[in-house]
Amino acid sequence: MSPSATSPPNRPHRKRRAGAGGCGADDGSTRRRGRSAVLLGPTHFPAVRSFGLRLALVVAPAPRHRRKQRPLHYACRPTSLPCRRRRRLRSIISLLHLPILRPFYLRYILAAAASGPCRCRRKESLVGMGNYISRVLRKSSSDRGKAPPADDTAKQDLCEVFTPLTNEEESEVNNILYGSDQSKKIIVMHGPSNIDITKEKIWCLRTCNWLNDEVINLYLELLKERAQREPKRFLKCHFFNTFFYKKLACGKTGYDYQSVRRWTTLNRLGYGLVECEKIFIPIHRNVHWCLAIINMKDKTFQYLDSFGGMDHAVLRILARYIRDELNDKSNIQVDTSSWLKISSDSCPLQQNGWDCGMFMLKFIDFHSRGIGLCFTQEHMDYFRKRTAKEILRLRAD
């Protein structure tokens, strides 16, 4: 028997490669046509054409590139972030070097982080990103506002502001903030302002939560009563609630003085705004709390934003308001065009997406005491519990 009858002919062996559709074609052109037929097959049907193209782009493997050597200044990036998020962060940071775009991109990053579901603990990657952005912009909140006055009143105020809670106070606050029983139950009723606080409403003082209007307005009422009890210790101030600016700027032209004209009558307040040293106006911009201050003594307008932004439109509206208010209530003609406008460059900055309300309240608290803004992001959790304690004190009263 010949060798050819018992064994295959002596030619080089080639492995069969499974092409598209299971065919064993060897040439590259056939394999490419087979793969395209599978990925782009649905595009022959108009109704599913867009879905087929989308599937083809998703399924197709992305080309691999060699890892490039990163510049030296990226060596200090937060290592807790995933690789894909670090690449996206580097592209955003490159734009943040433009001074005009800084507040807009910071607001986008931090507000987008706050839109996620609330958690009991802050994500380490989010905190690391906030610290990294602060270092890049050289606006770390730990370097700001650490020069309070050196008199005895300021020292007493600082001692009071940063006094830690006792064990009993800590237990009471934790029970209210993190207890789940009877969330609709009213725990605080404030008669002068007609504000009722339920457990569900005070839960906004938990970590990683945005403050609501009821808690903010009640805290402002407490500051007002504090100044009335001790007028020699605190500045003569007026605290507008969170609805004032919305009413003032709701007109067809973006300004409506008549809608808030009766808010400051002498019978209602007992004093005129011309007698105040500072006037505080909470500003709510979409999902972010800011603060505007009209300093009647120094003749300045101040805008405090924990993101470091500045809104000149708000200050223009308030300049027009104080002219109309003094002319209407006190018959005083004031030219506010020469008043200085102060931005928020020197105020502490937040490093997450949910503490803007607490920053705003502490701006008001410290300015009404006449002391510097000597707090940082690390104090916010303590300030939340302290605010809850001051609200719960109304139950005993």
Protein backbone atom coordinates (compact mmCIF):
# COMPACT_ATOMS: atom_id res chain seq x y z
CA MET A 1 0.00 0.00 0.00
CA SER A 2 1.38 3.36 -0.97
CA PRO A 3 2.04 5.99 1.69
CA SER A 4 -0.48 8.33 0.06
CA ALA A 5 -3.29 5.84 0.71
CA THR A 6 -2.78 5.76 4.51
CA SER A 7 -1.74 9.40 5.31
CA PRO A 8 -2.57 12.87 4.01
CA PRO A 9 -0.30 14.42 1.42
CA ASN A 10 2.90 16.00 2.73
CA ARG A 11 1.92 19.73 2.72
CA PRO A 12 2.20 22.35 5.49
CA HIS A 13 -0.61 22.12 8.02
CA ARG A 14 -2.74 25.27 8.52
CA LYS A 15 -5.08 25.70 11.44
CA ARG A 16 -8.69 26.44 10.63
CA ARG A 17 -9.74 29.75 12.10
CA ALA A 18 -13.39 30.17 12.94
CA GLY A 19 -14.53 33.21 10.99
CA ALA A 20 -17.78 35.09 11.35
CA GLY A 21 -20.71 32.74 11.16
CA GLY A 22 -18.53 29.74 11.91
CA CYS A 23 -16.92 29.52 8.45
CA GLY A 24 -13.32 28.42 8.19
CA ALA A 25 -12.05 30.93 5.63
CA ASP A 26 -8.38 31.71 5.91
CA ASP A 27 -7.91 34.99 4.04
CA GLY A 28 -8.21 38.26 5.98
CA SER A 29 -10.70 39.88 3.61
CA THR A 30 -13.25 37.13 4.20
CA ARG A 31 -12.86 37.43 7.99
CA ARG A 32 -13.37 41.22 7.86
CA ARG A 33 -16.48 40.83 5.71
CA GLY A 34 -17.87 38.20 8.08
CA ARG A 35 -17.32 40.34 11.16
CA SER A 36 -18.90 43.39 9.53
CA ALA A 37 -21.89 41.31 8.56
CA VAL A 38 -22.54 40.40 12.17
CA LEU A 39 -22.04 43.90 13.62
CA LEU A 40 -23.73 45.91 10.90
CA GLY A 41 -26.34 43.39 9.88
CA PRO A 42 -29.26 45.20 11.61
CA THR A 43 -28.52 48.39 9.67
CA HIS A 44 -30.22 46.86 6.63
CA PHE A 45 -33.50 47.41 8.47
CA PRO A 46 -34.38 51.13 8.75
CA ALA A 47 -36.36 50.70 11.99
CA VAL A 48 -33.35 49.33 13.90
CA ARG A 49 -30.57 51.06 11.96
CA SER A 50 -29.54 53.45 14.75
CA PHE A 51 -29.55 50.66 17.32
CA GLY A 52 -27.40 48.47 15.09
CA LEU A 53 -24.82 51.18 14.59
CA ARG A 54 -24.78 51.89 18.30
CA LEU A 55 -24.26 48.17 19.02
CA ALA A 56 -21.44 48.02 16.49
CA LEU A 57 -19.64 50.93 18.11
CA VAL A 58 -20.02 49.48 21.58
CA VAL A 59 -19.03 45.91 20.69
CA ALA A 60 -16.08 46.89 18.52
CA PRO A 61 -12.87 46.68 20.59
CA ALA A 62 -11.14 49.97 21.27
CA PRO A 63 -7.54 50.26 20.03
CA ARG A 64 -4.92 49.93 22.68
CA HIS A 65 -2.37 52.69 23.09
CA ARG A 66 0.91 52.68 24.85
CA ARG A 67 0.87 54.24 28.27
CA LYS A 68 2.27 57.73 28.00
CA GLN A 69 4.63 59.17 30.55
CA ARG A 70 2.57 61.60 32.66
CA PRO A 71 3.99 64.98 33.60
CA LEU A 72 5.47 65.37 37.01
CA HIS A 73 2.68 67.60 38.39
CA TYR A 74 0.17 64.76 38.04
CA ALA A 75 2.09 62.66 40.55
CA CYS A 76 0.12 64.22 43.43
CA ARG A 77 -3.31 63.24 42.08
CA PRO A 78 -5.62 61.38 44.49
CA THR A 79 -4.85 57.70 44.18
CA SER A 80 -8.28 56.65 45.43
CA LEU A 81 -9.98 57.67 42.15
CA PRO A 82 -10.45 55.08 39.39
CA CYS A 83 -8.32 55.41 36.27
CA ARG A 84 -11.20 56.55 34.03
CA ARG A 85 -12.30 59.18 36.57
CA ARG A 86 -8.71 60.46 36.89
CA ARG A 87 -8.52 60.99 33.13
CA ARG A 88 -11.80 62.92 33.18
CA LEU A 89 -10.61 64.94 36.18
CA ARG A 90 -7.36 65.89 34.42
CA SER A 91 -9.30 67.26 31.44
CA ILE A 92 -11.45 69.37 33.77
CA ILE A 93 -8.48 70.57 35.81
CA SER A 94 -6.77 71.81 32.64
CA LEU A 95 -9.74 74.10 32.05
CA LEU A 96 -9.78 75.28 35.66
CA HIS A 97 -6.51 77.14 35.08
CA LEU A 98 -8.61 79.79 33.29
CA PRO A 99 -9.74 82.19 36.07
CA ILE A 100 -13.02 83.06 34.32
CA LEU A 101 -14.18 79.43 34.17
CA ARG A 102 -13.20 78.37 37.70
CA PRO A 103 -16.48 79.01 39.56
CA PHE A 104 -18.59 77.47 36.77
CA TYR A 105 -16.65 74.20 36.60
CA LEU A 106 -16.39 73.94 40.37
CA ARG A 107 -20.13 74.44 40.66
CA TYR A 108 -20.72 71.77 37.97
CA ILE A 109 -18.43 69.21 39.60
CA LEU A 110 -19.68 69.62 43.16
CA ALA A 111 -23.37 70.03 42.31
CA ALA A 112 -23.23 66.92 40.13
CA ALA A 113 -21.72 65.00 43.03
CA ALA A 114 -24.54 66.14 45.28
CA SER A 115 -27.21 64.88 42.87
CA GLY A 116 -26.37 61.27 43.75
CA PRO A 117 -28.14 59.30 46.48
CA CYS A 118 -27.44 60.42 50.04
CA ARG A 119 -25.21 58.20 52.13
CA CYS A 120 -24.50 58.17 55.81
CA ARG A 121 -20.78 58.56 55.18
CA ARG A 122 -18.97 60.67 52.64
CA LYS A 123 -17.21 58.89 49.81
CA GLU A 124 -13.45 59.04 50.24
CA SER A 125 -12.95 59.51 46.50
CA LEU A 126 -15.26 62.55 46.48
CA VAL A 127 -13.49 64.16 49.42
CA GLY A 128 -10.14 63.47 47.79
CA MET A 129 -11.30 65.11 44.57
CA GLY A 130 -12.42 68.20 46.49
CA ASN A 131 -9.06 68.46 48.25
CA TYR A 132 -7.22 68.05 44.95
CA ILE A 133 -9.24 70.82 43.29
CA SER A 134 -8.57 73.11 46.24
CA ARG A 135 -4.82 72.48 45.97
CA VAL A 136 -4.81 73.14 42.23
CA LEU A 137 -6.64 76.45 42.65
CA ARG A 138 -4.50 77.34 45.69
CA LYS A 139 -7.68 78.17 47.58
CA SER A 140 -7.51 75.74 50.44
CA SER A 141 -10.10 76.65 53.04
CA SER A 142 -7.60 76.01 55.84
CA ASP A 143 -5.69 79.20 54.89
CA ARG A 144 -8.66 81.57 55.08
CA GLY A 145 -10.14 83.85 57.66
CA LYS A 146 -7.87 82.95 60.57
CA ALA A 147 -7.46 86.49 61.87
CA PRO A 148 -10.35 87.19 64.26
CA PRO A 149 -10.22 90.29 66.46
CA ALA A 150 -8.15 89.91 69.61
CA ASP A 151 -10.55 91.57 72.07
CA ASP A 152 -12.27 89.75 74.91
CA THR A 153 -15.67 89.71 73.19
CA ALA A 154 -14.25 87.94 70.15
CA LYS A 155 -12.49 85.38 72.35
CA GLN A 156 -15.74 84.74 74.19
CA ASP A 157 -17.60 84.30 70.91
CA LEU A 158 -15.00 81.87 69.56
CA CYS A 159 -15.09 79.87 72.78
CA GLU A 160 -18.87 79.66 72.52
CA VAL A 161 -18.89 78.75 68.81
CA PHE A 162 -16.43 75.87 69.13
CA THR A 163 -17.50 74.51 72.52
CA PRO A 164 -17.98 70.73 72.10
CA LEU A 165 -21.30 69.14 72.94
CA THR A 166 -21.71 67.29 76.20
CA ASN A 167 -22.49 63.58 76.24
CA GLU A 168 -26.14 64.28 77.02
CA GLU A 169 -26.43 66.83 74.19
CA GLU A 170 -24.69 64.47 71.78
CA SER A 171 -27.05 61.65 72.70
CA GLU A 172 -30.13 63.87 72.30
CA VAL A 173 -29.02 65.18 68.92
CA ASN A 174 -28.18 61.71 67.58
CA ASN A 175 -31.53 60.39 68.77
CA ILE A 176 -33.39 63.12 66.87
CA LEU A 177 -31.28 63.08 63.71
CA TYR A 178 -30.94 59.32 63.27
CA GLY A 179 -34.06 58.00 64.96
CA SER A 180 -36.70 56.58 62.61
CA ASP A 181 -39.81 56.74 64.78
CA GLN A 182 -42.66 59.17 64.01
CA SER A 183 -41.00 61.24 61.29
CA LYS A 184 -44.12 63.44 60.91
CA LYS A 185 -44.21 64.35 64.59
CA ILE A 186 -43.70 68.05 65.36
CA ILE A 187 -40.79 68.42 67.77
CA VAL A 188 -40.34 72.23 67.72
CA MET A 189 -42.94 75.00 67.35
CA HIS A 190 -41.74 78.58 67.00
CA GLY A 191 -44.65 80.94 67.61
CA PRO A 192 -43.22 84.32 66.46
CA SER A 193 -42.28 82.99 63.01
CA ASN A 194 -45.04 80.37 62.79
CA ILE A 195 -42.48 77.70 61.86
CA ASP A 196 -43.05 74.07 62.85
CA ILE A 197 -40.16 71.61 62.67
CA THR A 198 -40.89 67.91 62.38
CA LYS A 199 -38.38 65.08 62.68
CA GLU A 200 -38.41 64.68 58.93
CA LYS A 201 -37.52 68.34 58.40
CA ILE A 202 -34.72 68.40 60.94
CA TRP A 203 -33.20 65.31 59.31
CA CYS A 204 -31.70 67.68 56.74
CA LEU A 205 -29.02 68.35 59.40
CA ARG A 206 -27.69 64.84 58.90
CA THR A 207 -24.38 64.54 57.10
CA CYS A 208 -24.57 64.62 53.28
CA ASN A 209 -27.98 66.38 53.21
CA TRP A 210 -29.06 69.76 51.86
CA LEU A 211 -30.67 72.18 54.28
CA ASN A 212 -34.34 73.08 53.74
CA ASP A 213 -36.03 76.47 54.06
CA GLU A 214 -37.71 75.71 57.39
CA VAL A 215 -34.49 74.91 59.23
CA ILE A 216 -32.63 77.86 57.68
CA ASN A 217 -35.39 80.36 58.48
CA LEU A 218 -35.78 79.08 62.03
CA TYR A 219 -32.04 79.42 62.63
CA LEU A 220 -32.20 83.02 61.34
CA GLU A 221 -35.02 83.69 63.79
CA LEU A 222 -32.81 82.36 66.60
CA LEU A 223 -30.02 84.71 65.55
CA LYS A 224 -32.46 87.61 65.59
CA GLU A 225 -33.67 86.72 69.11
CA ARG A 226 -30.09 86.31 70.27
CA ALA A 227 -29.24 89.85 69.17
CA GLN A 228 -32.35 91.21 70.92
CA ARG A 229 -31.40 89.52 74.20
CA GLU A 230 -27.83 90.86 74.14
CA PRO A 231 -27.76 94.01 71.98
CA LYS A 232 -24.40 95.18 73.38
CA ARG A 233 -22.65 91.95 72.47
CA PHE A 234 -23.94 91.41 68.92
CA LEU A 235 -24.17 93.76 65.96
CA LYS A 236 -27.41 95.47 65.01
CA CYS A 237 -28.44 93.30 62.05
CA HIS A 238 -31.48 92.39 60.01
CA PHE A 239 -31.97 88.83 58.75
CA PHE A 240 -34.18 88.35 55.70
CA ASN A 241 -35.60 84.86 55.22
CA THR A 242 -35.03 82.61 52.23
CA PHE A 243 -38.13 83.88 50.37
CA PHE A 244 -37.17 87.57 50.30
CA TYR A 245 -34.84 87.55 47.30
CA LYS A 246 -37.16 85.29 45.31
CA LYS A 247 -39.96 87.85 45.74
CA LEU A 248 -37.67 90.80 45.03
CA ALA A 249 -36.31 89.34 41.79
CA CYS A 250 -39.56 87.85 40.49
CA GLY A 251 -40.73 90.87 38.44
CA LYS A 252 -40.90 90.99 34.66
CA THR A 253 -37.72 93.05 34.58
CA GLY A 254 -36.02 90.95 37.28
CA TYR A 255 -36.89 93.46 40.00
CA ASP A 256 -40.11 94.09 41.93
CA TYR A 257 -39.79 96.36 44.97
CA GLN A 258 -43.55 96.58 45.55
CA SER A 259 -43.73 92.83 46.28
CA VAL A 260 -41.48 93.25 49.35
CA ARG A 261 -42.26 96.84 50.30
CA ARG A 262 -44.33 95.85 53.35
CA TRP A 263 -41.72 93.44 54.68
CA THR A 264 -39.82 96.20 56.48
CA THR A 265 -42.50 98.53 57.85
CA LEU A 266 -41.81 100.14 61.20
CA ASN A 267 -44.85 98.50 62.79
CA ARG A 268 -43.66 95.08 61.69
CA LEU A 269 -39.97 95.36 62.60
CA GLY A 270 -39.83 98.05 65.25
CA TYR A 271 -36.80 99.60 63.55
CA GLY A 272 -35.69 100.73 60.10
CA LEU A 273 -32.99 99.21 57.92
CA VAL A 274 -31.12 102.53 58.06
CA GLU A 275 -30.42 101.78 61.74
CA CYS A 276 -28.78 98.39 61.00
CA GLU A 277 -25.08 97.78 60.60
CA LYS A 278 -25.50 94.70 58.37
CA ILE A 279 -28.38 93.22 56.37
CA PHE A 280 -28.20 89.51 55.47
CA ILE A 281 -29.97 88.14 52.38
CA PRO A 282 -29.86 84.37 51.66
CA ILE A 283 -29.56 83.65 47.93
CA HIS A 284 -30.65 80.33 46.44
CA ARG A 285 -29.18 79.72 42.98
CA ASN A 286 -30.66 76.52 41.51
CA VAL A 287 -29.24 73.94 43.97
CA HIS A 288 -26.72 76.17 45.74
CA TRP A 289 -26.96 78.52 48.75
CA CYS A 290 -25.03 81.80 48.80
CA LEU A 291 -25.16 84.91 50.96
CA ALA A 292 -25.33 88.63 50.18
CA ILE A 293 -24.56 91.24 52.84
CA ILE A 294 -25.44 94.92 52.71
CA ASN A 295 -23.04 96.65 55.09
CA MET A 296 -24.78 99.91 55.95
CA LYS A 297 -21.94 101.09 58.20
CA ASP A 298 -19.06 100.55 55.75
CA LYS A 299 -21.22 101.15 52.64
CA THR A 300 -20.28 97.91 50.92
CA PHE A 301 -22.00 95.01 49.22
CA GLN A 302 -20.53 91.59 49.92
CA TYR A 303 -21.21 88.31 48.13
CA LEU A 304 -20.15 85.12 49.92
CA ASP A 305 -20.14 81.88 47.94
CA SER A 306 -18.59 78.72 49.38
CA PHE A 307 -17.71 77.76 45.78
CA GLY A 308 -15.74 80.98 45.36
CA GLY A 309 -18.11 82.50 42.78
CA MET A 310 -19.38 86.04 42.31
CA ASP A 311 -22.80 87.22 41.04
CA HIS A 312 -22.80 90.92 40.17
CA ALA A 313 -26.45 90.75 39.06
CA VAL A 314 -27.52 89.98 42.64
CA LEU A 315 -25.57 92.93 44.00
CA ARG A 316 -27.05 95.27 41.36
CA ILE A 317 -30.56 94.24 42.43
CA LEU A 318 -29.73 94.76 46.10
CA ALA A 319 -28.17 98.16 45.38
CA ARG A 320 -31.38 99.21 43.67
CA TYR A 321 -33.41 97.79 46.55
CA ILE A 322 -31.58 99.68 49.30
CA ARG A 323 -31.99 102.94 47.34
CA ASP A 324 -35.73 102.41 47.03
CA GLU A 325 -36.05 101.21 50.63
CA LEU A 326 -34.29 104.20 52.21
CA ASN A 327 -36.16 106.59 49.97
CA ASP A 328 -39.52 105.00 50.82
CA LYS A 329 -39.11 104.42 54.57
CA SER A 330 -36.68 107.16 55.66
CA ASN A 331 -36.91 109.70 52.81
CA ILE A 332 -33.14 109.44 52.30
CA GLN A 333 -31.52 109.71 48.88
CA VAL A 334 -28.55 107.35 48.63
CA ASP A 335 -26.12 106.94 45.75
CA THR A 336 -24.95 103.32 45.90
CA SER A 337 -22.87 103.52 42.72
CA SER A 338 -19.78 104.35 44.81
CA TRP A 339 -20.33 101.53 47.32
CA LEU A 340 -17.62 98.89 47.20
CA LYS A 341 -18.51 95.38 45.99
CA ILE A 342 -16.60 92.63 47.81
CA SER A 343 -16.32 89.12 46.37
CA SER A 344 -15.97 85.83 48.22
CA ASP A 345 -12.24 85.37 47.59
CA SER A 346 -11.41 85.43 51.31
CA CYS A 347 -14.17 83.13 52.61
CA PRO A 348 -13.75 79.42 53.42
CA LEU A 349 -14.55 77.01 50.59
CA GLN A 350 -16.55 73.82 50.77
CA GLN A 351 -15.08 70.59 49.43
CA ASN A 352 -18.26 68.60 48.81
CA GLY A 353 -21.66 69.09 47.23
CA TRP A 354 -23.99 69.34 50.22
CA ASP A 355 -22.60 71.77 52.85
CA CYS A 356 -23.39 75.08 51.08
CA GLY A 357 -26.36 75.73 53.40
CA MET A 358 -24.26 75.25 56.53
CA PHE A 359 -21.53 77.49 55.14
CA MET A 360 -24.13 80.19 54.52
CA LEU A 361 -25.50 79.96 58.08
CA LYS A 362 -22.01 80.15 59.56
CA PHE A 363 -21.20 83.17 57.37
CA ILE A 364 -24.22 84.89 58.94
CA ASP A 365 -23.39 83.71 62.46
CA PHE A 366 -19.77 84.90 62.39
CA HIS A 367 -20.49 88.21 60.63
CA SER A 368 -23.28 89.04 63.07
CA ARG A 369 -20.76 88.55 65.89
CA GLY A 370 -18.21 90.77 64.17
CA ILE A 371 -15.49 88.09 64.05
CA GLY A 372 -13.48 86.60 61.20
CA LEU A 373 -14.52 83.47 59.29
CA CYS A 374 -12.15 81.17 61.17
CA PHE A 375 -13.70 77.81 60.27
CA THR A 376 -13.07 75.19 57.60
CA GLN A 377 -14.78 72.26 55.92
CA GLU A 378 -13.78 70.00 58.80
CA HIS A 379 -16.07 71.91 61.18
CA MET A 380 -19.26 71.35 59.19
CA ASP A 381 -20.34 68.08 60.82
CA TYR A 382 -19.93 69.69 64.25
CA PHE A 383 -21.89 72.77 63.12
CA ARG A 384 -24.74 70.55 61.94
CA LYS A 385 -25.07 68.96 65.38
CA ARG A 386 -24.71 72.29 67.11
CA THR A 387 -27.48 73.78 64.96
CA ALA A 388 -29.72 70.84 65.83
CA LYS A 389 -28.96 71.38 69.53
CA GLU A 390 -29.89 75.09 69.32
CA ILE A 391 -33.17 74.22 67.59
CA LEU A 392 -33.99 71.48 70.11
CA ARG A 393 -33.43 73.98 72.92
CA LEU A 394 -36.75 75.56 71.94
CA ARG A 395 -38.56 72.47 73.26
CA ALA A 396 -37.57 73.29 76.82
CA ASP A 397 -38.45 76.97 76.39
